[in-house]
Amino acid sequence: MLLPGVGILSGIDLVSGKKRKLRVGKKRAIYLPREFLDELGLHEGDYIVVKVEGDRIVIEKSPDPLLLAAKRKKWVYTSVEEFEDESEDEQESWKG
């Protein structure tokens, strides 16, 4: 008898701690358990990094590039006026 959330195959408990044995599906799809995705805060449309290390597949949350840019130390400063002047110059160069 299978209990909800617990898989048993040949007497082996498939759920233990943070590990879960998954089956590769049609078209080699792998569906990650919701609790794993929730723990990492992953949602539909988010990006992940997948790499092979020996005989393991490692999946890591990919940081949001905009969030990274906002948190990094700034190395260039400009005023709104300087930005507007540069924008206007660039737009003029496009007009030909």
Foldseek 3Di string as FASTA:
>chain_A
DDDPPWDADPNDTQDDDPGGDFDQDPVRDTDDDPVVCVVVVHDPPFDWDWDDDPPDIDIGGDDDVVVVVVPDDDDDDDDPVVVVVVVVVVVVVVVD
